[in-house]
Structure formats: structure tokens, C-alpha cells
N, C-alpha and C. Protein backbone atom coordinates (compact mmCIF):
# COMPACT_ATOMS: atom_id res chain seq x y z
N MET A 1 10.65 19.48 3.80
CA MET A 1 11.31 18.40 4.70
C MET A 1 10.66 18.28 5.19
N PHE A 2 10.38 17.12 5.46
CA PHE A 2 9.58 16.16 6.67
C PHE A 2 10.04 16.35 7.71
N PRO A 3 9.11 16.29 8.78
CA PRO A 3 10.32 15.92 10.58
C PRO A 3 10.74 14.42 10.64
N SER A 4 11.23 13.81 11.45
CA SER A 4 11.59 12.71 11.10
C SER A 4 10.66 11.65 12.07
N GLN A 5 9.95 12.38 12.66
CA GLN A 5 9.07 11.91 13.18
C GLN A 5 7.52 11.87 12.38
N ALA A 6 7.29 11.82 11.08
CA ALA A 6 6.73 11.63 10.20
C ALA A 6 7.19 10.50 9.23
N ALA A 7 8.37 9.93 9.54
CA ALA A 7 8.58 8.87 8.57
C ALA A 7 7.85 7.62 9.01
N PRO A 8 6.99 7.29 10.04
CA PRO A 8 6.23 6.08 10.16
C PRO A 8 5.01 6.25 8.97
N ALA A 9 4.28 7.42 8.90
CA ALA A 9 3.27 8.40 8.49
C ALA A 9 3.94 7.86 6.89
N LEU A 10 4.74 8.83 6.74
CA LEU A 10 5.08 9.03 5.32
C LEU A 10 5.62 7.98 4.52
N PHE A 11 6.51 6.83 5.13
CA PHE A 11 6.74 5.61 4.71
C PHE A 11 5.20 4.83 4.39
N GLY A 12 3.92 4.58 4.93
CA GLY A 12 2.85 4.52 4.47
C GLY A 12 2.20 4.82 3.41
N LEU A 13 2.08 6.13 3.81
CA LEU A 13 1.65 6.89 2.81
C LEU A 13 2.01 6.05 1.53
N ILE A 14 3.47 6.42 1.23
CA ILE A 14 4.44 5.83 -0.17
C ILE A 14 3.57 3.60 -0.08
N LEU A 15 4.36 3.60 0.80
CA LEU A 15 3.88 2.07 0.41
C LEU A 15 2.78 1.42 -0.29
N SER A 16 1.81 2.45 0.92
CA SER A 16 0.24 1.92 0.33
C SER A 16 -0.31 2.52 -1.00
N GLY A 17 0.42 4.00 -1.56
CA GLY A 17 0.32 3.99 -2.71
C GLY A 17 0.50 3.24 -4.18
N LEU A 18 1.79 2.92 -3.59
CA LEU A 18 2.71 2.35 -5.00
C LEU A 18 1.88 0.46 -4.69
N MET A 19 1.89 0.09 -3.39
CA MET A 19 1.18 -1.32 -3.30
C MET A 19 -0.25 -0.84 -4.72
N SER A 20 -0.89 -0.17 -3.79
CA SER A 20 -2.41 -0.11 -3.95
C SER A 20 -2.32 -0.45 -5.70
N LEU A 21 -1.57 0.66 -6.45
CA LEU A 21 -1.19 1.21 -8.01
C LEU A 21 -1.08 0.00 -8.40
N LEU A 22 -0.16 -1.33 -8.37
CA LEU A 22 -0.05 -2.36 -8.90
C LEU A 22 -1.45 -3.13 -8.93
N VAL A 23 -1.78 -3.33 -7.73
CA VAL A 23 -2.83 -4.16 -7.60
C VAL A 23 -3.90 -3.95 -8.06
N SER A 24 -4.19 -2.69 -8.03
CA SER A 24 -5.47 -2.52 -8.61
C SER A 24 -5.46 -2.31 -10.14
N GLY A 25 -3.95 -2.39 -10.83
CA GLY A 25 -3.82 -2.24 -12.29
C GLY A 25 -3.68 -3.73 -12.72
N ILE A 26 -3.78 -4.28 -11.94
CA ILE A 26 -3.49 -5.80 -12.21
C ILE A 26 -4.95 -6.32 -12.15
N SER A 27 -5.73 -6.20 -11.17
CA SER A 27 -7.49 -6.48 -11.06
C SER A 27 -7.88 -5.86 -12.19
N THR A 28 -7.62 -4.65 -12.44
CA THR A 28 -8.83 -4.02 -13.55
C THR A 28 -8.31 -4.24 -14.90
N TYR A 29 -6.67 -4.79 -15.12
CA TYR A 29 -6.51 -5.70 -16.09
C TYR A 29 -7.33 -6.87 -16.75
N ARG A 30 -7.16 -7.54 -15.27
CA ARG A 30 -7.87 -9.15 -15.28
C ARG A 30 -9.41 -8.68 -15.23
N ALA A 31 -10.38 -7.81 -15.00
CA ALA A 31 -11.27 -7.42 -14.69
C ALA A 31 -11.68 -7.49 -16.15
N VAL A 32 -11.31 -5.89 -16.88
CA VAL A 32 -11.65 -5.58 -18.28
C VAL A 32 -10.72 -5.82 -19.52
N GLY A 33 -9.78 -6.05 -19.45
CA GLY A 33 -8.74 -6.21 -20.24
C GLY A 33 -8.37 -4.66 -20.62
N PHE A 34 -7.03 -4.93 -21.60
CA PHE A 34 -7.34 -3.29 -22.24
C PHE A 34 -7.89 -2.76 -22.99
N VAL A 35 -9.36 -2.39 -22.75
CA VAL A 35 -9.97 -1.40 -23.37
C VAL A 35 -9.91 -0.45 -23.22
N GLU A 36 -11.10 0.19 -24.34
CA GLU A 36 -10.92 2.11 -24.00
C GLU A 36 -11.44 2.29 -22.70
N GLY A 37 -10.88 3.27 -22.50
CA GLY A 37 -11.19 3.70 -21.20
C GLY A 37 -10.14 2.76 -19.65
N TYR A 38 -9.39 2.11 -19.95
CA TYR A 38 -8.54 1.59 -18.77
C TYR A 38 -8.41 2.20 -17.85
N ALA A 39 -7.26 3.27 -18.62
CA ALA A 39 -6.54 4.27 -17.43
C ALA A 39 -7.62 5.10 -16.41
N GLY A 40 -8.75 5.86 -16.74
CA GLY A 40 -9.53 5.98 -15.97
C GLY A 40 -10.07 4.72 -14.82
N LEU A 41 -10.46 3.48 -15.49
CA LEU A 41 -10.71 2.88 -14.20
C LEU A 41 -9.82 2.59 -13.32
N TRP A 42 -8.65 2.00 -14.10
CA TRP A 42 -7.68 2.26 -13.01
C TRP A 42 -7.34 3.05 -11.88
N ALA A 43 -7.57 4.19 -12.63
CA ALA A 43 -7.19 4.83 -11.43
C ALA A 43 -8.36 5.33 -10.68
N GLY A 44 -10.10 4.87 -10.92
CA GLY A 44 -10.49 5.15 -9.60
C GLY A 44 -10.70 4.07 -8.93
N ALA A 45 -10.49 2.99 -9.28
CA ALA A 45 -10.04 1.72 -8.89
C ALA A 45 -8.95 1.80 -7.84
N TRP A 46 -8.10 2.41 -8.23
CA TRP A 46 -6.37 2.38 -7.15
C TRP A 46 -6.88 3.66 -6.25
N LEU A 47 -7.68 4.93 -6.79
CA LEU A 47 -8.19 6.02 -5.43
C LEU A 47 -8.94 5.18 -4.27
N THR A 48 -9.68 4.36 -4.34
CA THR A 48 -10.48 3.62 -3.63
C THR A 48 -9.17 2.85 -3.07
N ALA A 49 -8.94 2.17 -3.42
CA ALA A 49 -8.50 1.31 -2.92
C ALA A 49 -7.32 1.97 -2.19
N TRP A 50 -6.81 3.00 -2.59
CA TRP A 50 -5.61 3.80 -1.55
C TRP A 50 -6.49 4.32 -0.01
N LEU A 51 -7.47 4.52 -0.48
CA LEU A 51 -8.28 5.02 1.02
C LEU A 51 -7.89 3.74 1.90
N VAL A 52 -8.53 3.04 1.29
CA VAL A 52 -8.65 1.53 2.38
C VAL A 52 -7.13 1.44 2.65
N ALA A 53 -6.21 1.00 1.95
CA ALA A 53 -4.72 0.53 2.54
C ALA A 53 -3.99 1.62 2.97
N PHE A 54 -3.77 3.16 3.01
CA PHE A 54 -3.44 3.75 3.75
C PHE A 54 -3.87 4.01 5.35
N PRO A 55 -4.71 3.62 5.41
CA PRO A 55 -5.35 3.28 7.22
C PRO A 55 -4.68 2.47 7.32
N VAL A 56 -5.24 1.25 6.50
CA VAL A 56 -4.63 0.04 7.23
C VAL A 56 -3.38 -0.45 6.82
N VAL A 57 -2.11 0.22 6.15
CA VAL A 57 -0.83 -0.22 6.37
C VAL A 57 -0.49 0.67 7.90
N LEU A 58 -1.13 1.58 8.39
CA LEU A 58 -0.78 2.55 9.45
C LEU A 58 -0.76 1.56 10.91
N VAL A 59 -2.36 0.59 10.68
CA VAL A 59 -2.54 -0.18 11.79
C VAL A 59 -1.37 -1.32 11.88
N VAL A 60 -1.75 -2.22 11.09
CA VAL A 60 -0.92 -3.01 10.73
C VAL A 60 0.45 -2.93 10.61
N ALA A 61 0.99 -2.46 10.08
CA ALA A 61 2.18 -1.91 10.38
C ALA A 61 2.88 -2.29 11.02
N PRO A 62 3.06 -1.44 12.49
CA PRO A 62 3.27 -1.74 13.77
C PRO A 62 3.50 -3.94 14.26
N LEU A 63 2.26 -4.14 13.66
CA LEU A 63 2.14 -5.77 14.05
C LEU A 63 2.86 -6.74 13.60
N ALA A 64 3.22 -6.09 12.12
CA ALA A 64 4.03 -7.09 11.52
C ALA A 64 5.17 -6.86 11.78
N ARG A 65 6.13 -5.15 12.50
CA ARG A 65 7.00 -5.41 12.68
C ARG A 65 7.43 -6.48 13.81
N ARG A 66 6.34 -6.50 14.91
CA ARG A 66 6.33 -7.24 16.11
C ARG A 66 6.52 -8.61 15.82
N ALA A 67 5.49 -9.21 14.44
CA ALA A 67 5.52 -10.84 14.27
C ALA A 67 7.23 -10.90 13.72
N VAL A 68 7.43 -9.98 12.80
CA VAL A 68 9.18 -10.45 12.38
C VAL A 68 9.92 -10.23 13.55
N GLY A 69 9.77 -9.41 14.34
CA GLY A 69 10.82 -9.30 15.65
C GLY A 69 10.80 -10.70 16.40
N LEU A 70 9.66 -11.40 16.57
CA LEU A 70 9.40 -12.71 17.18
C LEU A 70 10.15 -13.53 15.98
N LEU A 71 10.04 -13.36 14.89
CA LEU A 71 10.29 -14.72 13.88
C LEU A 71 12.12 -14.87 14.02
N VAL A 72 12.97 -13.67 14.15
CA VAL A 72 13.99 -13.52 13.07
C VAL A 72 15.15 -13.70 14.67
N GLU A 73 16.31 -14.51 14.70
CA GLU A 73 17.06 -14.75 15.52
C GLU A 73 17.33 -13.66 16.64
N LYS A 74 18.07 -13.44 17.55
CA LYS A 74 18.09 -11.84 18.55
C LYS A 74 19.56 -12.01 18.50
N ARG A 75 20.03 -10.99 18.06
CA ARG A 75 21.80 -11.26 18.18
C ARG A 75 21.96 -10.81 19.45
N PRO A 76 23.63 -11.60 19.76
CA PRO A 76 24.21 -12.12 21.37
C PRO A 76 24.32 -10.29 21.85
């Protein structure tokens, strides 16, 4: 188990991993199709994307939360 202080980083790790997996899979398919070696190409693209996505999520998530806070109505 992780301490509760790790929740934001763990959330960012999981979210960025899943999103980069999905997007890199679609992008790899669009670029080369289901060719021999597709899984290896996808894995390489995914790892590269995840290395970028994780730190970006950690930086952007607080900004997105703040933007959402400005766009939703406050409870009385």
C-alpha cells in the first residue's frame, strides 16, 4: 500500500500510462497498420510517450483542476 500523500503522483502515473498506451496504439496503427512486429513498434512508441506524458500530467493536472473550479458553479 502507498501512503495517501502519494495519491496524486500515483493517479498521474496510472492515467498517463493508460492514455499514452491508447493513443500510441492508435497512432502506431494509423502509421503502419497491423504489420508484423506491430506489438514491438507499439511498445516502443508507448514507452516514449509515457516518459513524456507522466511529468506533463503532474504539471498540468493542477492547472486543469483550477480551470474546472472556475467553470463549475459553487455550492451555496
